[in-house]
PDB file of all heavy atoms in Angstrom:
ATOM      1  N   SER A   1      -0.063  18.187  14.849  1.00  0.00           N
ATOM      2  CA  SER A   1       0.000  19.610  14.568  1.00  0.00           C
ATOM      3  C   SER A   1      -1.358  20.191  14.277  1.00  0.00           C
ATOM      4  O   SER A   1      -2.114  19.631  13.482  1.00  0.00           O
ATOM      5  CB  SER A   1       0.935  19.775  13.382  1.00  0.00           C
ATOM      6  OG  SER A   1       0.843  21.118  12.838  1.00  0.00           O
ATOM      7  N   ALA A   2      -1.615  21.296  14.807  1.00  0.00           N
ATOM      8  CA  ALA A   2      -2.916  21.992  14.594  1.00  0.00           C
ATOM      9  C   ALA A   2      -3.079  22.405  13.135  1.00  0.00           C
ATOM     10  O   ALA A   2      -4.147  22.680  12.596  1.00  0.00           O
ATOM     11  CB  ALA A   2      -3.061  23.158  15.455  1.00  0.00           C
ATOM     12  N   PHE A   3      -1.948  22.446  12.406  1.00  0.00           N
ATOM     13  CA  PHE A   3      -2.017  22.947  11.040  1.00  0.00           C
ATOM     14  C   PHE A   3      -1.803  21.824  10.026  1.00  0.00           C
ATOM     15  O   PHE A   3      -1.621  22.110   8.888  1.00  0.00           O
ATOM     16  CB  PHE A   3      -1.021  24.053  10.785  1.00  0.00           C
ATOM     17  CG  PHE A   3      -1.344  25.319  11.564  1.00  0.00           C
ATOM     18  CD1 PHE A   3      -0.876  25.582  12.832  1.00  0.00           C
ATOM     19  CD2 PHE A   3      -2.260  26.254  11.060  1.00  0.00           C
ATOM     20  CE1 PHE A   3      -1.207  26.657  13.543  1.00  0.00           C
ATOM     21  CE2 PHE A   3      -2.620  27.383  11.798  1.00  0.00           C
ATOM     22  CZ  PHE A   3      -2.103  27.628  12.975  1.00  0.00           C
ATOM     23  N   GLY A   4      -1.684  20.551  10.468  1.00  0.00           N
ATOM     24  CA  GLY A   4      -1.655  19.422   9.571  1.00  0.00           C
ATOM     25  C   GLY A   4      -0.602  19.457   8.541  1.00  0.00           C
ATOM     26  O   GLY A   4      -0.914  19.767   7.330  1.00  0.00           O
ATOM     27  N   THR A   5       0.647  19.151   8.856  1.00  0.00           N
ATOM     28  CA  THR A   5       1.715  19.246   7.826  1.00  0.00           C
ATOM     29  C   THR A   5       1.549  18.147   6.778  1.00  0.00           C
ATOM     30  O   THR A   5       2.055  18.342   5.657  1.00  0.00           O
ATOM     31  CB  THR A   5       3.066  19.099   8.536  1.00  0.00           C
ATOM     32  OG1 THR A   5       3.080  17.822   9.245  1.00  0.00           O
ATOM     33  CG2 THR A   5       3.298  20.144   9.494  1.00  0.00           C
ATOM     34  N   ARG A   6       0.862  17.044   7.068  1.00  0.00           N
ATOM     35  CA  ARG A   6       0.496  16.068   6.090  1.00  0.00           C
ATOM     36  C   ARG A   6       1.711  15.503   5.379  1.00  0.00           C
ATOM     37  O   ARG A   6       1.660  15.260   4.137  1.00  0.00           O
ATOM     38  CB  ARG A   6      -0.494  16.577   5.101  1.00  0.00           C
ATOM     39  CG  ARG A   6      -1.802  17.027   5.832  1.00  0.00           C
ATOM     40  CD  ARG A   6      -2.812  17.477   4.838  1.00  0.00           C
ATOM     41  NE  ARG A   6      -2.443  18.402   3.810  1.00  0.00           N
ATOM     42  CZ  ARG A   6      -2.237  19.697   4.034  1.00  0.00           C
ATOM     43  NH1 ARG A   6      -2.371  20.173   5.235  1.00  0.00           N
ATOM     44  NH2 ARG A   6      -1.924  20.461   3.039  1.00  0.00           N
ATOM     45  N   GLU A   7       2.876  15.309   5.934  1.00  0.00           N
ATOM     46  CA  GLU A   7       4.042  14.741   5.336  1.00  0.00           C
ATOM     47  C   GLU A   7       3.645  13.228   5.026  1.00  0.00           C
ATOM     48  O   GLU A   7       2.834  12.662   5.580  1.00  0.00           O
ATOM     49  CB  GLU A   7       5.240  14.747   6.157  1.00  0.00           C
ATOM     50  CG  GLU A   7       5.740  16.225   6.388  1.00  0.00           C
ATOM     51  CD  GLU A   7       6.990  16.256   7.173  1.00  0.00           C
ATOM     52  OE1 GLU A   7       7.675  15.143   7.371  1.00  0.00           O
ATOM     53  OE2 GLU A   7       7.400  17.330   7.611  1.00  0.00           O
ATOM     54  N   SER A   8       4.359  12.699   4.003  1.00  0.00           N
ATOM     55  CA  SER A   8       4.131  11.291   3.608  1.00  0.00           C
ATOM     56  C   SER A   8       4.319  10.398   4.822  1.00  0.00           C
ATOM     57  O   SER A   8       5.338  10.514   5.580  1.00  0.00           O
ATOM     58  CB  SER A   8       5.038  10.897   2.451  1.00  0.00           C
ATOM     59  OG  SER A   8       4.797  11.689   1.328  1.00  0.00           O
ATOM     60  N   ARG A   9       3.381   9.475   5.003  1.00  0.00           N
ATOM     61  CA  ARG A   9       3.487   8.502   6.111  1.00  0.00           C
ATOM     62  C   ARG A   9       3.425   7.124   5.552  1.00  0.00           C
ATOM     63  O   ARG A   9       2.597   6.746   4.736  1.00  0.00           O
ATOM     64  CB  ARG A   9       2.311   8.796   7.087  1.00  0.00           C
ATOM     65  CG  ARG A   9       2.448  10.005   8.002  1.00  0.00           C
ATOM     66  CD  ARG A   9       1.174  10.359   8.552  1.00  0.00           C
ATOM     67  NE  ARG A   9       1.428  11.359   9.706  1.00  0.00           N
ATOM     68  CZ  ARG A   9       1.542  12.627   9.441  1.00  0.00           C
ATOM     69  NH1 ARG A   9       1.633  13.109   8.230  1.00  0.00           N
ATOM     70  NH2 ARG A   9       1.683  13.498  10.439  1.00  0.00           N
ATOM     71  N   LYS A  10       4.306   6.259   5.988  1.00  0.00           N
ATOM     72  CA  LYS A  10       4.311   4.908   5.490  1.00  0.00           C
ATOM     73  C   LYS A  10       3.218   4.067   6.300  1.00  0.00           C
ATOM     74  O   LYS A  10       2.871   4.429   7.408  1.00  0.00           O
ATOM     75  CB  LYS A  10       5.732   4.231   5.791  1.00  0.00           C
ATOM     76  CG  LYS A  10       6.794   4.832   4.926  1.00  0.00           C
ATOM     77  CD  LYS A  10       8.088   4.101   5.122  1.00  0.00           C
ATOM     78  CE  LYS A  10       9.189   4.557   4.196  1.00  0.00           C
ATOM     79  NZ  LYS A  10      10.475   3.817   4.250  1.00  0.00           N
ATOM     80  N   PHE A  11       2.737   3.112   5.575  1.00  0.00           N
ATOM     81  CA  PHE A  11       1.746   2.194   6.127  1.00  0.00           C
ATOM     82  C   PHE A  11       2.049   0.833   5.630  1.00  0.00           C
ATOM     83  O   PHE A  11       2.719   0.675   4.656  1.00  0.00           O
ATOM     84  CB  PHE A  11       0.316   2.676   5.893  1.00  0.00           C
ATOM     85  CG  PHE A  11       0.042   2.640   4.417  1.00  0.00           C
ATOM     86  CD1 PHE A  11      -0.638   1.562   3.861  1.00  0.00           C
ATOM     87  CD2 PHE A  11       0.258   3.733   3.626  1.00  0.00           C
ATOM     88  CE1 PHE A  11      -1.030   1.570   2.509  1.00  0.00           C
ATOM     89  CE2 PHE A  11      -0.049   3.805   2.247  1.00  0.00           C
ATOM     90  CZ  PHE A  11      -0.726   2.628   1.741  1.00  0.00           C
ATOM     91  N   THR A  12       1.407  -0.178   6.255  1.00  0.00           N
ATOM     92  CA  THR A  12       1.771  -1.593   5.909  1.00  0.00           C
ATOM     93  C   THR A  12       0.536  -2.410   5.710  1.00  0.00           C
ATOM     94  O   THR A  12      -0.456  -2.301   6.490  1.00  0.00           O
ATOM     95  CB  THR A  12       2.579  -2.222   7.086  1.00  0.00           C
ATOM     96  OG1 THR A  12       3.776  -1.418   7.286  1.00  0.00           O
ATOM     97  CG2 THR A  12       3.011  -3.607   6.748  1.00  0.00           C
ATOM     98  N   PHE A  13       0.623  -3.173   4.698  1.00  0.00           N
ATOM     99  CA  PHE A  13      -0.485  -4.265   4.406  1.00  0.00           C
ATOM    100  C   PHE A  13       0.073  -5.579   4.950  1.00  0.00           C
ATOM    101  O   PHE A  13       1.228  -5.890   4.599  1.00  0.00           O
ATOM    102  CB  PHE A  13      -0.833  -4.368   2.932  1.00  0.00           C
ATOM    103  CG  PHE A  13      -1.657  -5.476   2.611  1.00  0.00           C
ATOM    104  CD1 PHE A  13      -3.070  -5.447   2.683  1.00  0.00           C
ATOM    105  CD2 PHE A  13      -1.015  -6.748   2.271  1.00  0.00           C
ATOM    106  CE1 PHE A  13      -3.834  -6.576   2.377  1.00  0.00           C
ATOM    107  CE2 PHE A  13      -1.818  -7.854   2.001  1.00  0.00           C
ATOM    108  CZ  PHE A  13      -3.247  -7.768   2.093  1.00  0.00           C
ATOM    109  N   THR A  14      -0.774  -6.280   5.683  1.00  0.00           N
ATOM    110  CA  THR A  14      -0.316  -7.608   6.097  1.00  0.00           C
ATOM    111  C   THR A  14      -1.587  -8.474   6.018  1.00  0.00           C
ATOM    112  O   THR A  14      -2.651  -8.180   6.660  1.00  0.00           O
ATOM    113  CB  THR A  14       0.216  -7.645   7.504  1.00  0.00           C
ATOM    114  OG1 THR A  14       1.335  -6.759   7.643  1.00  0.00           O
ATOM    115  CG2 THR A  14       0.566  -9.035   7.923  1.00  0.00           C
ATOM    116  N   GLY A  15      -1.448  -9.546   5.262  1.00  0.00           N
ATOM    117  CA  GLY A  15      -2.643 -10.510   5.103  1.00  0.00           C
ATOM    118  C   GLY A  15      -2.304 -11.787   4.506  1.00  0.00           C
ATOM    119  O   GLY A  15      -1.337 -11.935   3.806  1.00  0.00           O
ATOM    120  N   PRO A  16      -3.133 -12.785   4.776  1.00  0.00           N
ATOM    121  CA  PRO A  16      -2.936 -14.135   4.179  1.00  0.00           C
ATOM    122  C   PRO A  16      -3.155 -14.084   2.763  1.00  0.00           C
ATOM    123  O   PRO A  16      -4.058 -13.368   2.289  1.00  0.00           O
ATOM    124  CB  PRO A  16      -3.782 -15.029   5.004  1.00  0.00           C
ATOM    125  CG  PRO A  16      -4.889 -14.138   5.452  1.00  0.00           C
ATOM    126  CD  PRO A  16      -4.249 -12.808   5.692  1.00  0.00           C
ATOM    127  N   VAL A  17      -2.475 -14.857   1.941  1.00  0.00           N
ATOM    128  CA  VAL A  17      -2.689 -14.863   0.499  1.00  0.00           C
ATOM    129  C   VAL A  17      -2.829 -16.354   0.003  1.00  0.00           C
ATOM    130  O   VAL A  17      -2.184 -17.225   0.500  1.00  0.00           O
ATOM    131  CB  VAL A  17      -1.493 -14.249  -0.214  1.00  0.00           C
ATOM    132  CG1 VAL A  17      -1.573 -12.758  -0.038  1.00  0.00           C
ATOM    133  CG2 VAL A  17      -0.151 -14.738   0.222  1.00  0.00           C
ATOM    134  N   ASN A  18      -3.742 -16.492  -1.023  1.00  0.00           N
ATOM    135  CA  ASN A  18      -3.902 -17.815  -1.686  1.00  0.00           C
ATOM    136  C   ASN A  18      -2.856 -18.005  -2.787  1.00  0.00           C
ATOM    137  O   ASN A  18      -3.028 -17.385  -3.848  1.00  0.00           O
ATOM    138  CB  ASN A  18      -5.292 -17.887  -2.248  1.00  0.00           C
ATOM    139  CG  ASN A  18      -6.350 -17.910  -1.105  1.00  0.00           C
ATOM    140  OD1 ASN A  18      -6.208 -18.561  -0.049  1.00  0.00           O
ATOM    141  ND2 ASN A  18      -7.428 -17.152  -1.302  1.00  0.00           N
ATOM    142  N   LEU A  19      -1.927 -18.850  -2.512  1.00  0.00           N
ATOM    143  CA  LEU A  19      -0.900 -19.144  -3.527  1.00  0.00           C
ATOM    144  C   LEU A  19      -1.108 -20.619  -3.999  1.00  0.00           C
ATOM    145  O   LEU A  19      -1.675 -21.481  -3.246  1.00  0.00           O
ATOM    146  CB  LEU A  19       0.450 -18.918  -2.982  1.00  0.00           C
ATOM    147  CG  LEU A  19       0.815 -17.521  -2.511  1.00  0.00           C
ATOM    148  CD1 LEU A  19       2.183 -17.489  -1.880  1.00  0.00           C
ATOM    149  CD2 LEU A  19       0.673 -16.596  -3.655  1.00  0.00           C
ATOM    150  N   ARG A  20      -0.600 -20.877  -5.188  1.00  0.00           N
ATOM    151  CA  ARG A  20      -0.709 -22.319  -5.731  1.00  0.00           C
ATOM    152  C   ARG A  20       0.717 -22.760  -6.141  1.00  0.00           C
ATOM    153  O   ARG A  20       1.647 -21.992  -6.223  1.00  0.00           O
ATOM    154  CB  ARG A  20      -1.645 -22.301  -6.915  1.00  0.00           C
ATOM    155  CG  ARG A  20      -1.205 -21.452  -8.070  1.00  0.00           C
ATOM    156  CD  ARG A  20      -2.327 -21.095  -9.048  1.00  0.00           C
ATOM    157  NE  ARG A  20      -1.833 -20.253 -10.147  1.00  0.00           N
ATOM    158  CZ  ARG A  20      -2.650 -19.553 -10.908  1.00  0.00           C
ATOM    159  NH1 ARG A  20      -3.980 -19.550 -10.686  1.00  0.00           N
ATOM    160  NH2 ARG A  20      -2.134 -18.852 -11.946  1.00  0.00           N
ATOM    161  N   ALA A  21       0.793 -24.045  -6.351  1.00  0.00           N
ATOM    162  CA  ALA A  21       2.106 -24.515  -6.876  1.00  0.00           C
ATOM    163  C   ALA A  21       2.410 -23.929  -8.200  1.00  0.00           C
ATOM    164  O   ALA A  21       1.523 -23.818  -9.060  1.00  0.00           O
ATOM    165  CB  ALA A  21       2.062 -26.106  -6.876  1.00  0.00           C
ATOM    166  N   GLY A  22       3.720 -23.594  -8.439  1.00  0.00           N
ATOM    167  CA  GLY A  22       4.041 -23.008  -9.690  1.00  0.00           C
ATOM    168  C   GLY A  22       4.147 -21.566  -9.627  1.00  0.00           C
ATOM    169  O   GLY A  22       4.261 -20.946  -8.582  1.00  0.00           O
ATOM    170  N   ALA A  23       3.914 -20.888 -10.824  1.00  0.00           N
ATOM    171  CA  ALA A  23       4.030 -19.400 -10.912  1.00  0.00           C
ATOM    172  C   ALA A  23       2.787 -18.681 -10.318  1.00  0.00           C
ATOM    173  O   ALA A  23       1.626 -19.132 -10.655  1.00  0.00           O
ATOM    174  CB  ALA A  23       4.270 -18.969 -12.285  1.00  0.00           C
ATOM    175  N   ASN A  24       2.984 -17.702  -9.575  1.00  0.00           N
ATOM    176  CA  ASN A  24       1.924 -16.916  -9.012  1.00  0.00           C
ATOM    177  C   ASN A  24       2.118 -15.414  -9.320  1.00  0.00           C
ATOM    178  O   ASN A  24       3.225 -14.960  -9.080  1.00  0.00           O
ATOM    179  CB  ASN A  24       1.799 -17.058  -7.443  1.00  0.00           C
ATOM    180  CG  ASN A  24       1.387 -18.471  -7.023  1.00  0.00           C
ATOM    181  OD1 ASN A  24       0.242 -18.681  -6.700  1.00  0.00           O
ATOM    182  ND2 ASN A  24       2.373 -19.391  -6.961  1.00  0.00           N
ATOM    183  N   LYS A  25       1.089 -14.826  -9.774  1.00  0.00           N
ATOM    184  CA  LYS A  25       1.224 -13.447 -10.223  1.00  0.00           C
ATOM    185  C   LYS A  25       0.715 -12.521  -9.067  1.00  0.00           C
ATOM    186  O   LYS A  25      -0.470 -12.653  -8.679  1.00  0.00           O
ATOM    187  CB  LYS A  25       0.392 -13.123 -11.468  1.00  0.00           C
ATOM    188  CG  LYS A  25       0.604 -11.743 -12.054  1.00  0.00           C
ATOM    189  CD  LYS A  25      -0.086 -11.534 -13.453  1.00  0.00           C
ATOM    190  CE  LYS A  25       0.121 -10.217 -13.971  1.00  0.00           C
ATOM    191  NZ  LYS A  25      -0.534 -10.015 -15.268  1.00  0.00           N
ATOM    192  N   ILE A  26       1.550 -11.657  -8.548  1.00  0.00           N
ATOM    193  CA  ILE A  26       1.165 -10.676  -7.554  1.00  0.00           C
ATOM    194  C   ILE A  26       1.094  -9.312  -8.278  1.00  0.00           C
ATOM    195  O   ILE A  26       1.988  -8.813  -8.912  1.00  0.00           O
ATOM    196  CB  ILE A  26       2.259 -10.565  -6.445  1.00  0.00           C
ATOM    197  CG1 ILE A  26       2.297 -11.947  -5.711  1.00  0.00           C
ATOM    198  CG2 ILE A  26       1.922  -9.522  -5.488  1.00  0.00           C
ATOM    199  CD1 ILE A  26       3.402 -12.055  -4.624  1.00  0.00           C
ATOM    200  N   ALA A  27      -0.135  -8.804  -8.142  1.00  0.00           N
ATOM    201  CA  ALA A  27      -0.402  -7.409  -8.702  1.00  0.00           C
ATOM    202  C   ALA A  27      -0.780  -6.436  -7.620  1.00  0.00           C
ATOM    203  O   ALA A  27      -1.815  -6.707  -6.971  1.00  0.00           O
ATOM    204  CB  ALA A  27      -1.412  -7.468  -9.859  1.00  0.00           C
ATOM    205  N   LEU A  28      -0.017  -5.389  -7.433  1.00  0.00           N
ATOM    206  CA  LEU A  28      -0.392  -4.408  -6.373  1.00  0.00           C
ATOM    207  C   LEU A  28      -0.743  -3.081  -7.078  1.00  0.00           C
ATOM    208  O   LEU A  28       0.007  -2.479  -7.890  1.00  0.00           O
ATOM    209  CB  LEU A  28       0.821  -4.186  -5.480  1.00  0.00           C
ATOM    210  CG  LEU A  28       1.486  -5.472  -4.921  1.00  0.00           C
ATOM    211  CD1 LEU A  28       2.714  -5.110  -4.179  1.00  0.00           C
ATOM    212  CD2 LEU A  28       0.522  -6.281  -4.144  1.00  0.00           C
ATOM    213  N   LEU A  29      -1.910  -2.570  -6.737  1.00  0.00           N
ATOM    214  CA  LEU A  29      -2.401  -1.291  -7.331  1.00  0.00           C
ATOM    215  C   LEU A  29      -2.139  -0.212  -6.291  1.00  0.00           C
ATOM    216  O   LEU A  29      -2.894  -0.109  -5.308  1.00  0.00           O
ATOM    217  CB  LEU A  29      -3.816  -1.365  -7.743  1.00  0.00           C
ATOM    218  CG  LEU A  29      -4.343  -0.038  -8.383  1.00  0.00           C
ATOM    219  CD1 LEU A  29      -3.622   0.369  -9.573  1.00  0.00           C
ATOM    220  CD2 LEU A  29      -5.873  -0.163  -8.611  1.00  0.00           C
ATOM    221  N   SER A  30      -1.213   0.613  -6.428  1.00  0.00           N
ATOM    222  CA  SER A  30      -0.942   1.714  -5.615  1.00  0.00           C
ATOM    223  C   SER A  30      -1.725   2.892  -6.058  1.00  0.00           C
ATOM    224  O   SER A  30      -1.800   3.332  -7.250  1.00  0.00           O
ATOM    225  CB  SER A  30       0.572   2.082  -5.582  1.00  0.00           C
ATOM    226  OG  SER A  30       0.861   3.214  -4.733  1.00  0.00           O
ATOM    227  N   MET A  31      -2.381   3.594  -5.035  1.00  0.00           N
ATOM    228  CA  MET A  31      -3.218   4.768  -5.373  1.00  0.00           C
ATOM    229  C   MET A  31      -2.791   6.035  -4.629  1.00  0.00           C
ATOM    230  O   MET A  31      -2.486   5.945  -3.446  1.00  0.00           O
ATOM    231  CB  MET A  31      -4.697   4.387  -5.015  1.00  0.00           C
ATOM    232  CG  MET A  31      -5.236   3.260  -5.807  1.00  0.00           C
ATOM    233  SD  MET A  31      -6.857   2.754  -5.262  1.00  0.00           S
ATOM    234  CE  MET A  31      -6.461   1.772  -3.807  1.00  0.00           C
ATOM    235  N   ALA A  32      -2.689   7.156  -5.402  1.00  0.00           N
ATOM    236  CA  ALA A  32      -2.426   8.497  -4.787  1.00  0.00           C
ATOM    237  C   ALA A  32      -3.665   9.222  -4.637  1.00  0.00           C
ATOM    238  O   ALA A  32      -4.578   9.096  -5.401  1.00  0.00           O
ATOM    239  CB  ALA A  32      -1.395   9.151  -5.622  1.00  0.00           C
ATOM    240  N   VAL A  33      -3.719  10.102  -3.665  1.00  0.00           N
ATOM    241  CA  VAL A  33      -4.821  10.990  -3.427  1.00  0.00           C
ATOM    242  C   VAL A  33      -4.367  12.419  -3.300  1.00  0.00           C
ATOM    243  O   VAL A  33      -4.594  13.127  -2.325  1.00  0.00           O
ATOM    244  CB  VAL A  33      -5.658  10.571  -2.115  1.00  0.00           C
ATOM    245  CG1 VAL A  33      -6.967  11.289  -2.040  1.00  0.00           C
ATOM    246  CG2 VAL A  33      -5.860   9.099  -2.021  1.00  0.00           C
ATOM    247  N   GLY A  34      -3.626  12.829  -4.331  1.00  0.00           N
ATOM    248  CA  GLY A  34      -3.052  14.178  -4.359  1.00  0.00           C
ATOM    249  C   GLY A  34      -1.665  14.186  -3.859  1.00  0.00           C
ATOM    250  O   GLY A  34      -1.268  13.541  -2.903  1.00  0.00           O
ATOM    251  N   LEU A  35      -0.764  15.043  -4.557  1.00  0.00           N
ATOM    252  CA  LEU A  35       0.603  15.080  -4.142  1.00  0.00           C
ATOM    253  C   LEU A  35       0.764  16.247  -3.108  1.00  0.00           C
ATOM    254  O   LEU A  35      -0.079  17.071  -2.915  1.00  0.00           O
ATOM    255  CB  LEU A  35       1.399  15.481  -5.387  1.00  0.00           C
ATOM    256  CG  LEU A  35       1.426  14.481  -6.534  1.00  0.00           C
ATOM    257  CD1 LEU A  35       2.396  14.807  -7.581  1.00  0.00           C
ATOM    258  CD2 LEU A  35       1.703  13.082  -6.001  1.00  0.00           C
ATOM    259  N   PRO A  36       1.851  16.119  -2.339  1.00  0.00           N
ATOM    260  CA  PRO A  36       2.032  17.175  -1.231  1.00  0.00           C
ATOM    261  C   PRO A  36       2.100  18.558  -1.771  1.00  0.00           C
ATOM    262  O   PRO A  36       2.504  18.832  -2.943  1.00  0.00           O
ATOM    263  CB  PRO A  36       3.387  16.704  -0.597  1.00  0.00           C
ATOM    264  CG  PRO A  36       4.066  15.847  -1.660  1.00  0.00           C
ATOM    265  CD  PRO A  36       3.017  15.190  -2.430  1.00  0.00           C
TER     266      PRO A  36
END
């Protein structure tokens, strides 16, 4: 669109991760860059 509606668009992270035996803590920091 020439006028950029900028609706929310989903995106995906995919990557290898270093895990160990036992409990593993996953922490994801989600960042916003302004609301619609």
